[in-house]
């Protein structure tokens, strides 16, 4: 990791950043969005078909076009997080973090000693030991790598006070769809009770001096962008 993490620096300076979620592999779209002026890409390896190897191509395209490459990992296992970070992700979003112990587990997996216990080896993120010494890389990675945890079950909201005590987490996100299922309203993410639960949790996060991810990292899904542009084109082309 050679470049400073501009997304991390911006949100901690109180500035919003703008990005997009990519649910399928397409490096040209990543490059295009970077040239258009987006700040980050969130590669969705939880719901998308990404392996660490295919995600690496997205990270490389992001680096080439000035985007900060982030990844929503498929699970919060240490070995999973390690493989995506080693291939060049500048930060991870960990799904279904429900307890303080799970939040601490994520931090331990992302950070090197003395902040965590991430395994250290020669890999793309460390320029294969060609541009930085390992000691230099470790120091920079601990400083620049982002951590976002996703709260998407009732258990997470019940444990939020203790989760907020975990250091090194840059922002807290929600999963409204899964939260709606956990609350007994499957498929109804806009249910007033779900919306109110997220509002109360957001208030608690801000009161603790922490960052609410959707307020700082504003992003849109690529399918939504494509569908919206396609509908607009067809409407104009057909004179509707």
Protein backbone atom coordinates (compact mmCIF):
# COMPACT_ATOMS: atom_id res chain seq x y z
CA UNK A 1 0.00 0.00 0.00
CA UNK A 2 1.84 3.06 -1.26
CA UNK A 3 -0.82 5.72 -1.60
CA UNK A 4 -2.38 7.44 1.41
CA UNK A 5 -5.97 6.34 1.98
CA UNK A 6 -7.78 9.50 0.93
CA UNK A 7 -11.19 8.11 1.84
CA UNK A 8 -10.11 7.36 5.39
CA UNK A 9 -8.47 10.76 5.74
CA UNK A 10 -11.52 12.55 4.35
CA UNK A 11 -14.15 10.95 6.55
CA UNK A 12 -12.10 11.53 9.70
CA UNK A 13 -11.79 15.17 8.63
CA UNK A 14 -15.58 15.36 8.46
CA UNK A 15 -15.80 15.29 4.65
CA UNK A 16 -18.17 13.11 2.67
CA UNK A 17 -16.82 10.81 -0.02
CA UNK A 18 -18.66 9.34 -3.00
CA UNK A 19 -18.44 5.87 -4.41
CA UNK A 20 -20.23 2.91 -5.92
CA UNK A 21 -20.86 -0.71 -5.05
CA UNK A 22 -19.77 -3.27 -7.65
CA UNK A 23 -21.63 -6.61 -7.45
CA UNK A 24 -19.96 -8.22 -10.49
CA UNK A 25 -16.50 -8.31 -12.03
CA UNK A 26 -15.87 -5.54 -14.57
CA UNK A 27 -12.57 -3.69 -14.45
CA UNK A 28 -13.48 -1.22 -17.23
CA UNK A 29 -16.44 0.06 -15.18
CA UNK A 30 -14.11 0.59 -12.22
CA UNK A 31 -11.70 2.57 -14.39
CA UNK A 32 -14.51 4.60 -15.95
CA UNK A 33 -15.93 5.58 -12.57
CA UNK A 34 -12.51 6.63 -11.36
CA UNK A 35 -12.06 8.90 -14.36
CA UNK A 36 -15.53 10.36 -13.75
CA UNK A 37 -14.47 11.54 -10.31
CA UNK A 38 -15.78 8.97 -7.83
CA UNK A 39 -13.73 8.51 -4.67
CA UNK A 40 -14.04 4.78 -3.98
CA UNK A 41 -15.34 1.44 -5.16
CA UNK A 42 -16.87 -1.07 -2.76
CA UNK A 43 -16.33 -4.51 -4.27
CA UNK A 44 -19.19 -6.66 -2.99
CA UNK A 45 -17.61 -10.03 -2.33
CA UNK A 46 -20.37 -10.98 0.11
CA UNK A 47 -23.18 -11.12 -2.43
CA UNK A 48 -21.14 -10.88 -5.64
CA UNK A 49 -19.19 -13.70 -7.33
CA UNK A 50 -15.76 -12.43 -6.34
CA UNK A 51 -12.80 -14.52 -5.34
CA UNK A 52 -9.70 -12.82 -3.95
CA UNK A 53 -8.13 -13.26 -7.40
CA UNK A 54 -10.99 -11.62 -9.33
CA UNK A 55 -11.26 -8.86 -6.74
CA UNK A 56 -7.55 -8.15 -7.24
CA UNK A 57 -8.31 -7.10 -10.82
CA UNK A 58 -10.87 -4.60 -9.49
CA UNK A 59 -8.35 -3.27 -6.95
CA UNK A 60 -5.76 -2.86 -9.69
CA UNK A 61 -8.22 -0.95 -11.90
CA UNK A 62 -9.12 1.26 -8.94
CA UNK A 63 -5.48 2.04 -8.24
CA UNK A 64 -4.94 2.91 -11.89
CA UNK A 65 -7.85 5.38 -11.99
CA UNK A 66 -7.41 7.06 -8.60
CA UNK A 67 -10.13 5.23 -6.68
CA UNK A 68 -9.74 3.86 -3.16
CA UNK A 69 -10.51 0.12 -3.38
CA UNK A 70 -12.68 -1.21 -0.56
CA UNK A 71 -14.26 -4.64 -0.25
CA UNK A 72 -17.24 -6.05 1.58
CA UNK A 73 -15.81 -9.40 2.51
CA UNK A 74 -17.99 -12.54 2.34
CA UNK A 75 -17.45 -13.28 6.03
CA UNK A 76 -15.40 -12.01 8.94
CA UNK A 77 -13.03 -14.97 9.19
CA UNK A 78 -9.38 -14.04 9.64
CA UNK A 79 -8.22 -16.06 6.62
CA UNK A 80 -10.85 -14.47 4.37
CA UNK A 81 -9.99 -10.91 5.38
CA UNK A 82 -6.28 -11.64 4.99
CA UNK A 83 -6.58 -12.82 1.39
CA UNK A 84 -8.55 -9.78 0.23
CA UNK A 85 -6.25 -7.32 2.01
CA UNK A 86 -3.11 -9.00 0.70
CA UNK A 87 -4.38 -8.49 -2.83
CA UNK A 88 -4.66 -4.76 -2.40
CA UNK A 89 -7.90 -3.70 -0.72
CA UNK A 90 -7.42 -0.45 1.17
CA UNK A 91 -10.17 -1.35 3.60
CA UNK A 92 -12.83 -3.89 4.41
CA UNK A 93 -16.48 -3.84 5.38
CA UNK A 94 -17.22 -6.81 7.63
CA UNK A 95 -20.79 -8.17 7.55
CA UNK A 96 -22.94 -9.37 10.44
CA UNK A 97 -20.85 -8.03 13.32
CA UNK A 98 -23.07 -8.71 16.31
CA UNK A 99 -20.86 -8.54 19.42
CA UNK A 100 -17.86 -6.75 20.83
CA UNK A 101 -15.85 -9.98 20.52
CA UNK A 102 -16.67 -10.20 16.81
CA UNK A 103 -15.71 -6.55 16.28
CA UNK A 104 -12.41 -7.16 18.05
CA UNK A 105 -11.88 -10.24 15.89
CA UNK A 106 -12.22 -8.09 12.76
CA UNK A 107 -9.71 -5.54 14.02
CA UNK A 108 -7.26 -8.31 14.90
CA UNK A 109 -7.59 -9.71 11.37
CA UNK A 110 -7.02 -6.36 9.64
CA UNK A 111 -4.20 -4.87 11.68
CA UNK A 112 -0.63 -6.04 12.15
CA UNK A 113 1.09 -6.19 15.54
CA UNK A 114 0.85 -4.33 17.89
CA UNK A 115 -2.73 -3.44 16.89
CA UNK A 116 -3.67 -6.91 15.66
CA UNK A 117 -2.36 -10.24 14.49
CA UNK A 118 -2.71 -10.17 10.71
CA UNK A 119 -0.33 -12.56 9.00
CA UNK A 120 2.60 -10.95 7.19
CA UNK A 121 4.07 -12.12 3.92
CA UNK A 122 5.15 -10.99 0.46
CA UNK A 123 2.07 -9.91 -1.52
CA UNK A 124 0.67 -7.27 -3.86
CA UNK A 125 -0.46 -4.94 -1.05
CA UNK A 126 3.14 -4.77 0.17
CA UNK A 127 4.49 -4.35 -3.39
CA UNK A 128 6.00 -7.85 -3.11
CA UNK A 129 8.73 -6.29 -0.93
CA UNK A 130 10.04 -4.24 -3.86
CA UNK A 131 9.24 -0.65 -2.86
CA UNK A 132 9.00 -0.80 0.93
CA UNK A 133 10.65 -2.84 3.60
CA UNK A 134 8.25 -5.05 5.50
CA UNK A 135 8.65 -2.88 8.56
CA UNK A 136 7.74 0.22 6.55
CA UNK A 137 4.79 -1.54 4.98
CA UNK A 138 3.43 -2.74 8.34
CA UNK A 139 3.52 0.77 9.76
CA UNK A 140 1.78 2.23 6.72
CA UNK A 141 -0.82 -0.53 6.50
CA UNK A 142 -1.78 -0.14 10.15
CA UNK A 143 -2.23 3.57 9.60
CA UNK A 144 -4.02 3.55 6.25
CA UNK A 145 -6.22 0.43 6.14
CA UNK A 146 -9.89 1.13 6.85
CA UNK A 147 -12.34 -0.93 8.87
CA UNK A 148 -16.12 -0.66 8.54
CA UNK A 149 -18.35 -3.02 10.48
CA UNK A 150 -21.88 -3.76 9.39
CA UNK A 151 -24.69 -3.94 11.92
CA UNK A 152 -27.53 -5.94 10.41
CA UNK A 153 -29.19 -7.99 13.14
CA UNK A 154 -31.15 -7.17 16.28
CA UNK A 155 -28.34 -8.73 18.30
CA UNK A 156 -25.91 -6.13 16.93
CA UNK A 157 -28.16 -3.24 17.94
CA UNK A 158 -28.64 -4.73 21.40
CA UNK A 159 -24.85 -4.95 21.79
CA UNK A 160 -24.06 -1.60 20.19
CA UNK A 161 -22.81 0.07 23.38
CA UNK A 162 -20.09 -2.53 23.81
CA UNK A 163 -19.26 -2.69 20.09
CA UNK A 164 -18.66 1.07 20.11
CA UNK A 165 -15.90 0.59 22.66
CA UNK A 166 -13.71 -1.23 20.12
CA UNK A 167 -10.90 0.96 18.79
CA UNK A 168 -9.61 1.10 15.19
CA UNK A 169 -13.08 0.89 13.60
CA UNK A 170 -13.44 3.80 11.19
CA UNK A 171 -17.19 3.69 10.58
CA UNK A 172 -20.34 1.72 11.32
CA UNK A 173 -22.70 0.66 8.54
CA UNK A 174 -26.13 -0.93 8.54
CA UNK A 175 -27.73 -3.71 6.54
CA UNK A 176 -31.36 -2.67 6.35
CA UNK A 177 -32.46 -5.70 4.36
CA UNK A 178 -31.02 -8.23 6.80
CA UNK A 179 -32.05 -6.12 9.76
CA UNK A 180 -35.63 -6.15 8.50
CA UNK A 181 -35.50 -9.95 8.46
CA UNK A 182 -34.02 -10.06 11.93
CA UNK A 183 -36.80 -7.80 13.18
CA UNK A 184 -39.50 -9.95 11.61
CA UNK A 185 -40.20 -7.83 8.51
CA UNK A 186 -38.48 -9.75 5.69
CA UNK A 187 -38.19 -7.77 2.47
CA UNK A 188 -39.50 -4.60 4.13
CA UNK A 189 -36.38 -2.52 4.78
CA UNK A 190 -38.48 0.67 4.75
CA UNK A 191 -40.72 -0.55 7.56
CA UNK A 192 -41.08 2.32 10.08
CA UNK A 193 -39.79 0.11 12.89
CA UNK A 194 -36.65 -0.74 10.91
CA UNK A 195 -36.09 2.90 9.98
CA UNK A 196 -36.52 3.95 13.60
CA UNK A 197 -34.10 1.28 14.84
CA UNK A 198 -31.44 2.52 12.42
CA UNK A 199 -32.10 6.12 13.44
CA UNK A 200 -31.67 5.34 17.12
CA UNK A 201 -28.51 3.35 16.46
CA UNK A 202 -27.11 6.19 14.33
CA UNK A 203 -27.77 8.65 17.15
CA UNK A 204 -25.94 6.38 19.56
CA UNK A 205 -22.96 6.03 17.20
CA UNK A 206 -22.67 9.79 16.75
CA UNK A 207 -23.05 10.38 20.50
CA UNK A 208 -20.06 8.09 21.06
CA UNK A 209 -17.99 10.26 18.71
CA UNK A 210 -17.91 7.58 16.01
CA UNK A 211 -18.85 7.76 12.32
CA UNK A 212 -22.04 6.50 10.68
CA UNK A 213 -20.86 5.06 7.37
CA UNK A 214 -23.81 5.98 5.09
CA UNK A 215 -23.56 9.59 6.26
CA UNK A 216 -19.90 9.82 5.23
CA UNK A 217 -19.46 7.22 2.48
CA UNK A 218 -22.24 8.02 0.04
CA UNK A 219 -22.51 5.31 -2.58
CA UNK A 220 -24.79 3.84 -5.20
CA UNK A 221 -25.04 0.40 -6.73
CA UNK A 222 -23.80 -0.02 -10.31
CA UNK A 223 -27.00 -1.91 -11.30
CA UNK A 224 -29.08 1.07 -10.14
CA UNK A 225 -26.93 3.44 -12.19
CA UNK A 226 -27.11 1.27 -15.29
CA UNK A 227 -30.85 0.65 -14.98
CA UNK A 228 -31.59 4.34 -14.42
CA UNK A 229 -29.52 5.42 -17.42
CA UNK A 230 -31.04 2.67 -19.60
CA UNK A 231 -34.59 3.65 -18.69
CA UNK A 232 -33.83 7.31 -19.39
CA UNK A 233 -32.29 6.47 -22.77
CA UNK A 234 -35.22 4.27 -23.83
CA UNK A 235 -37.77 6.85 -22.72
CA UNK A 236 -36.05 9.57 -24.74
CA UNK A 237 -35.38 7.33 -27.76
CA UNK A 238 -39.01 6.19 -27.89
CA UNK A 239 -40.31 9.69 -27.29
CA UNK A 240 -42.03 8.83 -24.04
